[in-house]
Amino acid sequence: MGEIGSVVADYQYDQNIYSDIQSMEEFLSSQEAYEEKVTVITDVVYSSEENRALVKEKNIDYYSIDLTGRKVPDIYADSEFDDQGARIARSLASHKPKSSSYMSPKTM
């Protein structure tokens, strides 16, 4: 969040006739590139390779998170993930795991 806070720039109420990914792609395609970097956080259902490419073009820091309402297992707390966010690189105790698996960003 910036020093002056966050502002909702747009919202709409329409019948949902598109997939979530398609809705996000349509929104991003309609936007001009931002002069200053903005941050967008969405549920993982809006994430796709195409949308991740579009946010780069639009000067957007994009984070997709899993908003299932389930508690995240403690093993993920304060762990370091690799650059793709798919594997634990270091655990809370700073140990490198022998192996690690997590949902691939390509399956999100």
PDB file of N, CA and C in Angstrom:
ATOM      1  N   MET A   1       0.850  -1.168   0.000  1.00  0.00           N
ATOM      2  CA  MET A   1       0.000   0.000   0.000  1.00  0.00           C
ATOM      3  C   MET A   1       0.896   1.230   0.000  1.00  0.00           C
ATOM      4  N   GLY A   2       0.502   2.230  -0.762  1.00  0.00           N
ATOM      5  CA  GLY A   2       1.249   3.473  -0.828  1.00  0.00           C
ATOM      6  C   GLY A   2       1.046   4.322   0.412  1.00  0.00           C
ATOM      7  N   GLU A   3       1.798   5.407   0.505  1.00  0.00           N
ATOM      8  CA  GLU A   3       1.715   6.298   1.660  1.00  0.00           C
ATOM      9  C   GLU A   3       0.336   6.934   1.802  1.00  0.00           C
ATOM     10  N   ILE A   4      -0.357   7.130   0.683  1.00  0.00           N
ATOM     11  CA  ILE A   4      -1.662   7.789   0.751  1.00  0.00           C
ATOM     12  C   ILE A   4      -2.811   6.795   0.795  1.00  0.00           C
ATOM     13  N   GLY A   5      -2.511   5.496   0.864  1.00  0.00           N
ATOM     14  CA  GLY A   5      -3.571   4.500   0.989  1.00  0.00           C
ATOM     15  C   GLY A   5      -3.995   3.927  -0.347  1.00  0.00           C
ATOM     16  N   SER A   6      -5.033   3.129  -0.317  1.00  0.00           N
ATOM     17  CA  SER A   6      -5.549   2.468  -1.509  1.00  0.00           C
ATOM     18  C   SER A   6      -6.897   3.042  -1.896  1.00  0.00           C
ATOM     19  N   VAL A   7      -7.203   2.991  -3.178  1.00  0.00           N
ATOM     20  CA  VAL A   7      -8.463   3.507  -3.691  1.00  0.00           C
ATOM     21  C   VAL A   7      -9.052   2.476  -4.648  1.00  0.00           C
ATOM     22  N   VAL A   8     -10.334   2.204  -4.524  1.00  0.00           N
ATOM     23  CA  VAL A   8     -11.008   1.344  -5.489  1.00  0.00           C
ATOM     24  C   VAL A   8     -11.240   2.174  -6.736  1.00  0.00           C
ATOM     25  N   ALA A   9     -10.637   1.773  -7.847  1.00  0.00           N
ATOM     26  CA  ALA A   9     -10.703   2.559  -9.077  1.00  0.00           C
ATOM     27  C   ALA A   9     -11.872   2.171  -9.959  1.00  0.00           C
ATOM     28  N   ASP A  10     -12.384   0.945  -9.790  1.00  0.00           N
ATOM     29  CA  ASP A  10     -13.441   0.495 -10.689  1.00  0.00           C
ATOM     30  C   ASP A  10     -14.163  -0.684 -10.055  1.00  0.00           C
ATOM     31  N   TYR A  11     -15.430  -0.793 -10.332  1.00  0.00           N
ATOM     32  CA  TYR A  11     -16.199  -1.973  -9.956  1.00  0.00           C
ATOM     33  C   TYR A  11     -17.401  -2.046 -10.871  1.00  0.00           C
ATOM     34  N   GLN A  12     -17.992  -3.214 -10.960  1.00  0.00           N
ATOM     35  CA  GLN A  12     -19.174  -3.353 -11.800  1.00  0.00           C
ATOM     36  C   GLN A  12     -20.008  -4.518 -11.298  1.00  0.00           C
ATOM     37  N   TYR A  13     -21.274  -4.483 -11.623  1.00  0.00           N
ATOM     38  CA  TYR A  13     -22.195  -5.572 -11.334  1.00  0.00           C
ATOM     39  C   TYR A  13     -22.803  -6.017 -12.653  1.00  0.00           C
ATOM     40  N   ASP A  14     -22.436  -7.195 -13.089  1.00  0.00           N
ATOM     41  CA  ASP A  14     -22.967  -7.757 -14.321  1.00  0.00           C
ATOM     42  C   ASP A  14     -23.234  -9.239 -14.097  1.00  0.00           C
ATOM     43  N   GLN A  15     -24.065  -9.797 -14.957  1.00  0.00           N
ATOM     44  CA  GLN A  15     -24.261 -11.232 -14.927  1.00  0.00           C
ATOM     45  C   GLN A  15     -22.936 -11.891 -15.301  1.00  0.00           C
ATOM     46  N   ASN A  16     -22.537 -12.908 -14.564  1.00  0.00           N
ATOM     47  CA  ASN A  16     -21.269 -13.568 -14.794  1.00  0.00           C
ATOM     48  C   ASN A  16     -21.409 -14.589 -15.922  1.00  0.00           C
ATOM     49  N   ILE A  17     -21.050 -14.169 -17.147  1.00  0.00           N
ATOM     50  CA  ILE A  17     -21.156 -15.059 -18.304  1.00  0.00           C
ATOM     51  C   ILE A  17     -19.781 -15.499 -18.808  1.00  0.00           C
ATOM     52  N   TYR A  18     -18.702 -15.040 -18.149  1.00  0.00           N
ATOM     53  CA  TYR A  18     -17.340 -15.381 -18.530  1.00  0.00           C
ATOM     54  C   TYR A  18     -16.668 -16.143 -17.402  1.00  0.00           C
ATOM     55  N   SER A  19     -15.602 -16.837 -17.754  1.00  0.00           N
ATOM     56  CA  SER A  19     -14.770 -17.434 -16.716  1.00  0.00           C
ATOM     57  C   SER A  19     -14.058 -16.304 -15.975  1.00  0.00           C
ATOM     58  N   ASP A  20     -13.594 -16.584 -14.774  1.00  0.00           N
ATOM     59  CA  ASP A  20     -12.878 -15.568 -13.998  1.00  0.00           C
ATOM     60  C   ASP A  20     -11.621 -15.115 -14.729  1.00  0.00           C
ATOM     61  N   ILE A  21     -10.902 -16.060 -15.324  1.00  0.00           N
ATOM     62  CA  ILE A  21      -9.693 -15.711 -16.073  1.00  0.00           C
ATOM     63  C   ILE A  21     -10.033 -14.797 -17.239  1.00  0.00           C
ATOM     64  N   GLN A  22     -11.102 -15.107 -17.953  1.00  0.00           N
ATOM     65  CA  GLN A  22     -11.516 -14.298 -19.102  1.00  0.00           C
ATOM     66  C   GLN A  22     -11.934 -12.899 -18.648  1.00  0.00           C
ATOM     67  N   SER A  23     -12.615 -12.798 -17.522  1.00  0.00           N
ATOM     68  CA  SER A  23     -13.018 -11.488 -16.993  1.00  0.00           C
ATOM     69  C   SER A  23     -11.798 -10.634 -16.670  1.00  0.00           C
ATOM     70  N   MET A  24     -10.802 -11.244 -16.042  1.00  0.00           N
ATOM     71  CA  MET A  24      -9.580 -10.513 -15.689  1.00  0.00           C
ATOM     72  C   MET A  24      -8.837 -10.082 -16.950  1.00  0.00           C
ATOM     73  N   GLU A  25      -8.760 -10.977 -17.932  1.00  0.00           N
ATOM     74  CA  GLU A  25      -8.086 -10.647 -19.189  1.00  0.00           C
ATOM     75  C   GLU A  25      -8.788  -9.483 -19.899  1.00  0.00           C
ATOM     76  N   GLU A  26     -10.104  -9.503 -19.902  1.00  0.00           N
ATOM     77  CA  GLU A  26     -10.873  -8.419 -20.523  1.00  0.00           C
ATOM     78  C   GLU A  26     -10.608  -7.094 -19.815  1.00  0.00           C
ATOM     79  N   PHE A  27     -10.598  -7.130 -18.483  1.00  0.00           N
ATOM     80  CA  PHE A  27     -10.327  -5.915 -17.703  1.00  0.00           C
ATOM     81  C   PHE A  27      -8.927  -5.388 -18.002  1.00  0.00           C
ATOM     82  N   LEU A  28      -7.923  -6.269 -17.938  1.00  0.00           N
ATOM     83  CA  LEU A  28      -6.550  -5.832 -18.168  1.00  0.00           C
ATOM     84  C   LEU A  28      -6.350  -5.303 -19.578  1.00  0.00           C
ATOM     85  N   SER A  29      -6.958  -5.936 -20.551  1.00  0.00           N
ATOM     86  CA  SER A  29      -6.825  -5.491 -21.945  1.00  0.00           C
ATOM     87  C   SER A  29      -7.417  -4.107 -22.157  1.00  0.00           C
ATOM     88  N   SER A  30      -8.418  -3.756 -21.371  1.00  0.00           N
ATOM     89  CA  SER A  30      -9.076  -2.453 -21.534  1.00  0.00           C
ATOM     90  C   SER A  30      -8.322  -1.320 -20.831  1.00  0.00           C
ATOM     91  N   GLN A  31      -7.317  -1.658 -20.032  1.00  0.00           N
ATOM     92  CA  GLN A  31      -6.581  -0.653 -19.264  1.00  0.00           C
ATOM     93  C   GLN A  31      -5.361  -0.148 -20.028  1.00  0.00           C
ATOM     94  N   GLU A  32      -5.090   1.144 -19.893  1.00  0.00           N
ATOM     95  CA  GLU A  32      -3.837   1.704 -20.387  1.00  0.00           C
ATOM     96  C   GLU A  32      -2.743   1.302 -19.408  1.00  0.00           C
ATOM     97  N   ALA A  33      -1.493   1.324 -19.851  1.00  0.00           N
ATOM     98  CA  ALA A  33      -0.373   1.064 -18.947  1.00  0.00           C
ATOM     99  C   ALA A  33      -0.315   2.190 -17.912  1.00  0.00           C
ATOM    100  N   TYR A  34      -0.106   1.820 -16.672  1.00  0.00           N
ATOM    101  CA  TYR A  34      -0.015   2.804 -15.599  1.00  0.00           C
ATOM    102  C   TYR A  34       1.362   3.456 -15.626  1.00  0.00           C
ATOM    103  N   GLU A  35       1.397   4.770 -15.374  1.00  0.00           N
ATOM    104  CA  GLU A  35       2.677   5.470 -15.312  1.00  0.00           C
ATOM    105  C   GLU A  35       3.464   5.024 -14.093  1.00  0.00           C
ATOM    106  N   GLU A  36       2.791   4.984 -12.945  1.00  0.00           N
ATOM    107  CA  GLU A  36       3.415   4.510 -11.719  1.00  0.00           C
ATOM    108  C   GLU A  36       2.943   3.083 -11.470  1.00  0.00           C
ATOM    109  N   LYS A  37       3.832   2.276 -10.954  1.00  0.00           N
ATOM    110  CA  LYS A  37       3.491   0.879 -10.687  1.00  0.00           C
ATOM    111  C   LYS A  37       2.338   0.814  -9.689  1.00  0.00           C
ATOM    112  N   VAL A  38       1.354  -0.041  -9.986  1.00  0.00           N
ATOM    113  CA  VAL A  38       0.236  -0.288  -9.090  1.00  0.00           C
ATOM    114  C   VAL A  38       0.266  -1.756  -8.686  1.00  0.00           C
ATOM    115  N   THR A  39      -0.408  -2.061  -7.590  1.00  0.00           N
ATOM    116  CA  THR A  39      -0.464  -3.429  -7.090  1.00  0.00           C
ATOM    117  C   THR A  39      -1.880  -3.944  -7.198  1.00  0.00           C
ATOM    118  N   VAL A  40      -2.036  -5.151  -7.735  1.00  0.00           N
ATOM    119  CA  VAL A  40      -3.328  -5.807  -7.841  1.00  0.00           C
ATOM    120  C   VAL A  40      -3.209  -7.168  -7.158  1.00  0.00           C
ATOM    121  N   ILE A  41      -4.146  -7.448  -6.251  1.00  0.00           N
ATOM    122  CA  ILE A  41      -4.186  -8.729  -5.556  1.00  0.00           C
ATOM    123  C   ILE A  41      -5.524  -9.366  -5.866  1.00  0.00           C
ATOM    124  N   THR A  42      -5.490 -10.600  -6.391  1.00  0.00           N
ATOM    125  CA  THR A  42      -6.730 -11.292  -6.736  1.00  0.00           C
ATOM    126  C   THR A  42      -6.699 -12.715  -6.200  1.00  0.00           C
ATOM    127  N   ASP A  43      -7.841 -13.327  -6.226  1.00  0.00           N
ATOM    128  CA  ASP A  43      -7.921 -14.749  -5.961  1.00  0.00           C
ATOM    129  C   ASP A  43      -7.210 -15.474  -7.105  1.00  0.00           C
ATOM    130  N   VAL A  44      -6.676 -16.631  -6.803  1.00  0.00           N
ATOM    131  CA  VAL A  44      -5.924 -17.403  -7.787  1.00  0.00           C
ATOM    132  C   VAL A  44      -6.764 -17.781  -9.006  1.00  0.00           C
ATOM    133  N   VAL A  45      -8.079 -17.788  -8.898  1.00  0.00           N
ATOM    134  CA  VAL A  45      -8.923 -18.178 -10.032  1.00  0.00           C
ATOM    135  C   VAL A  45      -8.822 -17.191 -11.202  1.00  0.00           C
ATOM    136  N   TYR A  46      -8.276 -15.994 -10.976  1.00  0.00           N
ATOM    137  CA  TYR A  46      -8.111 -15.007 -12.042  1.00  0.00           C
ATOM    138  C   TYR A  46      -6.753 -15.108 -12.738  1.00  0.00           C
ATOM    139  N   SER A  47      -5.892 -15.986 -12.258  1.00  0.00           N
ATOM    140  CA  SER A  47      -4.520 -16.065 -12.738  1.00  0.00           C
ATOM    141  C   SER A  47      -4.389 -16.977 -13.959  1.00  0.00           C
ATOM    142  N   SER A  48      -3.595 -16.538 -14.915  1.00  0.00           N
ATOM    143  CA  SER A  48      -3.261 -17.343 -16.089  1.00  0.00           C
ATOM    144  C   SER A  48      -1.959 -16.797 -16.661  1.00  0.00           C
ATOM    145  N   GLU A  49      -1.317 -17.575 -17.521  1.00  0.00           N
ATOM    146  CA  GLU A  49      -0.093 -17.105 -18.182  1.00  0.00           C
ATOM    147  C   GLU A  49      -0.368 -15.812 -18.944  1.00  0.00           C
ATOM    148  N   GLU A  50      -1.503 -15.771 -19.650  1.00  0.00           N
ATOM    149  CA  GLU A  50      -1.844 -14.581 -20.438  1.00  0.00           C
ATOM    150  C   GLU A  50      -2.016 -13.356 -19.535  1.00  0.00           C
ATOM    151  N   ASN A  51      -2.696 -13.535 -18.407  1.00  0.00           N
ATOM    152  CA  ASN A  51      -2.923 -12.407 -17.505  1.00  0.00           C
ATOM    153  C   ASN A  51      -1.628 -11.957 -16.833  1.00  0.00           C
ATOM    154  N   ARG A  52      -0.740 -12.904 -16.516  1.00  0.00           N
ATOM    155  CA  ARG A  52       0.549 -12.516 -15.935  1.00  0.00           C
ATOM    156  C   ARG A  52       1.376 -11.726 -16.952  1.00  0.00           C
ATOM    157  N   ALA A  53       1.260 -12.056 -18.236  1.00  0.00           N
ATOM    158  CA  ALA A  53       1.956 -11.284 -19.277  1.00  0.00           C
ATOM    159  C   ALA A  53       1.340  -9.896 -19.411  1.00  0.00           C
ATOM    160  N   LEU A  54       0.021  -9.817 -19.355  1.00  0.00           N
ATOM    161  CA  LEU A  54      -0.661  -8.520 -19.484  1.00  0.00           C
ATOM    162  C   LEU A  54      -0.309  -7.568 -18.348  1.00  0.00           C
ATOM    163  N   VAL A  55      -0.217  -8.058 -17.122  1.00  0.00           N
ATOM    164  CA  VAL A  55       0.092  -7.157 -16.004  1.00  0.00           C
ATOM    165  C   VAL A  55       1.490  -6.573 -16.142  1.00  0.00           C
ATOM    166  N   LYS A  56       2.405  -7.326 -16.715  1.00  0.00           N
ATOM    167  CA  LYS A  56       3.756  -6.789 -16.944  1.00  0.00           C
ATOM    168  C   LYS A  56       3.697  -5.637 -17.931  1.00  0.00           C
ATOM    169  N   GLU A  57       2.903  -5.793 -18.985  1.00  0.00           N
ATOM    170  CA  GLU A  57       2.750  -4.731 -19.992  1.00  0.00           C
ATOM    171  C   GLU A  57       2.107  -3.479 -19.403  1.00  0.00           C
ATOM    172  N   LYS A  58       1.257  -3.654 -18.387  1.00  0.00           N
ATOM    173  CA  LYS A  58       0.481  -2.543 -17.822  1.00  0.00           C
ATOM    174  C   LYS A  58       1.150  -1.906 -16.606  1.00  0.00           C
ATOM    175  N   ASN A  59       2.383  -2.350 -16.245  1.00  0.00           N
ATOM    176  CA  ASN A  59       3.119  -1.812 -15.106  1.00  0.00           C
ATOM    177  C   ASN A  59       2.397  -2.120 -13.782  1.00  0.00           C
ATOM    178  N   ILE A  60       1.980  -3.372 -13.637  1.00  0.00           N
ATOM    179  CA  ILE A  60       1.230  -3.813 -12.455  1.00  0.00           C
ATOM    180  C   ILE A  60       2.012  -4.894 -11.730  1.00  0.00           C
ATOM    181  N   ASP A  61       2.192  -4.712 -10.405  1.00  0.00           N
ATOM    182  CA  ASP A  61       2.668  -5.799  -9.555  1.00  0.00           C
ATOM    183  C   ASP A  61       1.459  -6.650  -9.249  1.00  0.00           C
ATOM    184  N   TYR A  62       1.505  -7.918  -9.637  1.00  0.00           N
ATOM    185  CA  TYR A  62       0.331  -8.781  -9.548  1.00  0.00           C
ATOM    186  C   TYR A  62       0.586  -9.942  -8.598  1.00  0.00           C
ATOM    187  N   TYR A  63      -0.334 -10.115  -7.664  1.00  0.00           N
ATOM    188  CA  TYR A  63      -0.258 -11.214  -6.708  1.00  0.00           C
ATOM    189  C   TYR A  63      -1.576 -11.969  -6.746  1.00  0.00           C
ATOM    190  N   SER A  64      -1.479 -13.266  -6.972  1.00  0.00           N
ATOM    191  CA  SER A  64      -2.683 -14.096  -6.910  1.00  0.00           C
ATOM    192  C   SER A  64      -2.542 -14.988  -5.686  1.00  0.00           C
ATOM    193  N   ILE A  65      -3.581 -14.984  -4.864  1.00  0.00           N
ATOM    194  CA  ILE A  65      -3.543 -15.757  -3.626  1.00  0.00           C
ATOM    195  C   ILE A  65      -4.745 -16.687  -3.564  1.00  0.00           C
ATOM    196  N   ASP A  66      -4.605 -17.725  -2.809  1.00  0.00           N
ATOM    197  CA  ASP A  66      -5.654 -18.728  -2.661  1.00  0.00           C
ATOM    198  C   ASP A  66      -6.613 -18.286  -1.560  1.00  0.00           C
ATOM    199  N   LEU A  67      -7.784 -17.847  -1.935  1.00  0.00           N
ATOM    200  CA  LEU A  67      -8.769 -17.344  -0.969  1.00  0.00           C
ATOM    201  C   LEU A  67      -9.844 -18.398  -0.687  1.00  0.00           C
ATOM    202  N   THR A  68      -9.395 -19.587  -0.306  1.00  0.00           N
ATOM    203  CA  THR A  68     -10.347 -20.677  -0.072  1.00  0.00           C
ATOM    204  C   THR A  68     -11.007 -20.595   1.286  1.00  0.00           C
ATOM    205  N   GLY A  69     -10.443 -19.800   2.175  1.00  0.00           N
ATOM    206  CA  GLY A  69     -10.989 -19.724   3.529  1.00  0.00           C
ATOM    207  C   GLY A  69     -10.434 -20.799   4.441  1.00  0.00           C
ATOM    208  N   ARG A  70      -9.564 -21.656   3.910  1.00  0.00           N
ATOM    209  CA  ARG A  70      -8.939 -22.688   4.727  1.00  0.00           C
ATOM    210  C   ARG A  70      -7.683 -22.146   5.384  1.00  0.00           C
ATOM    211  N   LYS A  71      -7.379 -22.633   6.549  1.00  0.00           N
ATOM    212  CA  LYS A  71      -6.161 -22.239   7.243  1.00  0.00           C
ATOM    213  C   LYS A  71      -4.952 -22.774   6.490  1.00  0.00           C
ATOM    214  N   VAL A  72      -3.944 -21.933   6.329  1.00  0.00           N
ATOM    215  CA  VAL A  72      -2.706 -22.340   5.664  1.00  0.00           C
ATOM    216  C   VAL A  72      -1.878 -23.153   6.647  1.00  0.00           C
ATOM    217  N   PRO A  73      -1.369 -24.307   6.232  1.00  0.00           N
ATOM    218  CA  PRO A  73      -0.554 -25.110   7.142  1.00  0.00           C
ATOM    219  C   PRO A  73       0.644 -24.320   7.663  1.00  0.00           C
ATOM    220  N   ASP A  74       0.962 -24.518   8.941  1.00  0.00           N
ATOM    221  CA  ASP A  74       2.068 -23.788   9.568  1.00  0.00           C
ATOM    222  C   ASP A  74       3.401 -23.988   8.867  1.00  0.00           C
ATOM    223  N   ILE A  75       3.558 -25.101   8.166  1.00  0.00           N
ATOM    224  CA  ILE A  75       4.833 -25.373   7.499  1.00  0.00           C
ATOM    225  C   ILE A  75       5.185 -24.279   6.489  1.00  0.00           C
ATOM    226  N   TYR A  76       4.194 -23.579   5.933  1.00  0.00           N
ATOM    227  CA  TYR A  76       4.461 -22.526   4.957  1.00  0.00           C
ATOM    228  C   TYR A  76       4.789 -21.179   5.600  1.00  0.00           C
ATOM    229  N   ALA A  77       4.538 -21.040   6.896  1.00  0.00           N
ATOM    230  CA  ALA A  77       4.763 -19.755   7.574  1.00  0.00           C
ATOM    231  C   ALA A  77       6.250 -19.431   7.607  1.00  0.00           C
ATOM    232  N   ASP A  78       6.590 -18.241   7.175  1.00  0.00           N
ATOM    233  CA  ASP A  78       7.964 -17.734   7.203  1.00  0.00           C
ATOM    234  C   ASP A  78       8.955 -18.581   6.424  1.00  0.00           C
ATOM    235  N   SER A  79       8.487 -19.401   5.522  1.00  0.00           N
ATOM    236  CA  SER A  79       9.385 -20.165   4.655  1.00  0.00           C
ATOM    237  C   SER A  79       9.744 -19.307   3.455  1.00  0.00           C
ATOM    238  N   GLU A  80      10.915 -19.563   2.899  1.00  0.00           N
ATOM    239  CA  GLU A  80      11.317 -18.884   1.672  1.00  0.00           C
ATOM    240  C   GLU A  80      10.957 -19.774   0.497  1.00  0.00           C
ATOM    241  N   PHE A  81      10.348 -19.185  -0.514  1.00  0.00           N
ATOM    242  CA  PHE A  81       9.994 -19.937  -1.716  1.00  0.00           C
ATOM    243  C   PHE A  81      10.960 -19.583  -2.836  1.00  0.00           C
ATOM    244  N   ASP A  82      11.060 -20.456  -3.836  1.00  0.00           N
ATOM    245  CA  ASP A  82      11.906 -20.168  -4.981  1.00  0.00           C
ATOM    246  C   ASP A  82      11.314 -19.018  -5.789  1.00  0.00           C
ATOM    247  N   ASP A  83      12.029 -18.586  -6.829  1.00  0.00           N
ATOM    248  CA  ASP A  83      11.599 -17.429  -7.619  1.00  0.00           C
ATOM    249  C   ASP A  83      10.234 -17.614  -8.261  1.00  0.00           C
ATOM    250  N   GLN A  84       9.843 -18.854  -8.560  1.00  0.00           N
ATOM    251  CA  GLN A  84       8.543 -19.116  -9.164  1.00  0.00           C
ATOM    252  C   GLN A  84       7.453 -19.293  -8.105  1.00  0.00           C
ATOM    253  N   GLY A  85       7.825 -19.332  -6.822  1.00  0.00           N
ATOM    254  CA  GLY A  85       6.853 -19.517  -5.761  1.00  0.00           C
ATOM    255  C   GLY A  85       6.286 -20.919  -5.703  1.00  0.00           C
ATOM    256  N   ALA A  86       6.981 -21.875  -6.310  1.00  0.00           N
ATOM    257  CA  ALA A  86       6.443 -23.227  -6.410  1.00  0.00           C
ATOM    258  C   ALA A  86       7.088 -24.215  -5.442  1.00  0.00           C
ATOM    259  N   ARG A  87       8.251 -23.895  -4.918  1.00  0.00           N
ATOM    260  CA  ARG A  87       8.947 -24.819  -4.021  1.00  0.00           C
ATOM    261  C   ARG A  87       9.510 -24.063  -2.822  1.00  0.00           C
ATOM    262  N   ILE A  88       9.550 -24.740  -1.681  1.00  0.00           N
ATOM    263  CA  ILE A  88      10.159 -24.136  -0.497  1.00  0.00           C
ATOM    264  C   ILE A  88      11.671 -24.218  -0.657  1.00  0.00           C
ATOM    265  N   ALA A  89      12.343 -23.064  -0.618  1.00  0.00           N
ATOM    266  CA  ALA A  89      13.794 -23.015  -0.748  1.00  0.00           C
ATOM    267  C   ALA A  89      14.463 -23.174   0.619  1.00  0.00           C
ATOM    268  N   ARG A  90      13.876 -22.561   1.633  1.00  0.00           N
ATOM    269  CA  ARG A  90      14.382 -22.660   3.008  1.00  0.00           C
ATOM    270  C   ARG A  90      13.190 -22.680   3.953  1.00  0.00           C
ATOM    271  N   SER A  91      13.290 -23.502   4.969  1.00  0.00           N
ATOM    272  CA  SER A  91      12.209 -23.610   5.947  1.00  0.00           C
ATOM    273  C   SER A  91      12.353 -22.533   7.021  1.00  0.00           C
ATOM    274  N   LEU A  92      11.410 -22.495   7.931  1.00  0.00           N
ATOM    275  CA  LEU A  92      11.426 -21.547   9.045  1.00  0.00           C
ATOM    276  C   LEU A  92      12.727 -21.663   9.827  1.00  0.00           C
ATOM    277  N   ALA A  93      13.243 -22.865   9.967  1.00  0.00           N
ATOM    278  CA  ALA A  93      14.487 -23.093  10.707  1.00  0.00           C
ATOM    279  C   ALA A  93      15.722 -22.927   9.815  1.00  0.00           C
ATOM    280  N   SER A  94      15.540 -22.354   8.631  1.00  0.00           N
ATOM    281  CA  SER A  94      16.614 -22.110   7.662  1.00  0.00           C
ATOM    282  C   SER A  94      17.244 -23.381   7.121  1.00  0.00           C
ATOM    283  N   HIS A  95      16.493 -24.460   7.096  1.00  0.00           N
ATOM    284  CA  HIS A  95      16.966 -25.708   6.509  1.00  0.00           C
ATOM    285  C   HIS A  95      16.464 -25.796   5.073  1.00  0.00           C
ATOM    286  N   LYS A  96      17.312 -26.321   4.196  1.00  0.00           N
ATOM    287  CA  LYS A  96      16.896 -26.558   2.821  1.00  0.00           C
ATOM    288  C   LYS A  96      16.269 -27.949   2.764  1.00  0.00           C
ATOM    289  N   PRO A  97      15.013 -28.065   2.328  1.00  0.00           N
ATOM    290  CA  PRO A  97      14.374 -29.380   2.307  1.00  0.00           C
ATOM    291  C   PRO A  97      14.974 -30.292   1.233  1.00  0.00           C
ATOM    292  N   LYS A  98      14.917 -31.608   1.490  1.00  0.00           N
ATOM    293  CA  LYS A  98      15.376 -32.571   0.482  1.00  0.00           C
ATOM    294  C   LYS A  98      14.497 -32.497  -0.753  1.00  0.00           C
ATOM    295  N   SER A  99      13.201 -32.309  -0.523  1.00  0.00           N
ATOM    296  CA  SER A  99      12.272 -32.149  -1.636  1.00  0.00           C
ATOM    297  C   SER A  99      11.107 -31.293  -1.163  1.00  0.00           C
ATOM    298  N   SER A 100      10.392 -30.740  -2.114  1.00  0.00           N
ATOM    299  CA  SER A 100       9.269 -29.877  -1.795  1.00  0.00           C
ATOM    300  C   SER A 100       8.336 -29.874  -2.986  1.00  0.00           C
ATOM    301  N   SER A 101       7.043 -29.886  -2.729  1.00  0.00           N
ATOM    302  CA  SER A 101       6.096 -29.749  -3.823  1.00  0.00           C
ATOM    303  C   SER A 101       4.978 -28.826  -3.388  1.00  0.00           C
ATOM    304  N   TYR A 102       4.440 -28.137  -4.339  1.00  0.00           N
ATOM    305  CA  TYR A 102       3.389 -27.175  -4.095  1.00  0.00           C
ATOM    306  C   TYR A 102       2.659 -27.024  -5.412  1.00  0.00           C
ATOM    307  N   MET A 103       1.447 -26.469  -5.407  1.00  0.00           N
ATOM    308  CA  MET A 103       0.733 -26.286  -6.673  1.00  0.00           C
ATOM    309  C   MET A 103       1.556 -25.439  -7.620  1.00  0.00           C
ATOM    310  N   SER A 104       1.768 -25.936  -8.802  1.00  0.00           N
ATOM    311  CA  SER A 104       2.511 -25.196  -9.815  1.00  0.00           C
ATOM    312  C   SER A 104       1.720 -23.966 -10.226  1.00  0.00           C
ATOM    313  N   PRO A 105       2.387 -22.805 -10.397  1.00  0.00           N
ATOM    314  CA  PRO A 105       1.672 -21.615 -10.858  1.00  0.00           C
ATOM    315  C   PRO A 105       0.942 -21.857 -12.184  1.00  0.00           C
ATOM    316  N   LYS A 106       1.408 -22.820 -12.999  1.00  0.00           N
ATOM    317  CA  LYS A 106       0.760 -23.106 -14.275  1.00  0.00           C
ATOM    318  C   LYS A 106      -0.582 -23.791 -14.083  1.00  0.00           C
ATOM    319  N   THR A 107      -0.791 -24.413 -12.911  1.00  0.00           N
ATOM    320  CA  THR A 107      -2.071 -25.085 -12.662  1.00  0.00           C
ATOM    321  C   THR A 107      -3.048 -24.177 -11.930  1.00  0.00           C
ATOM    322  N   MET A 108      -2.608 -22.973 -11.604  1.00  0.00           N
ATOM    323  CA  MET A 108      -3.483 -22.043 -10.870  1.00  0.00           C
ATOM    324  C   MET A 108      -4.341 -21.268 -11.814  1.00  0.00           C
TER     325      MET A 108
END
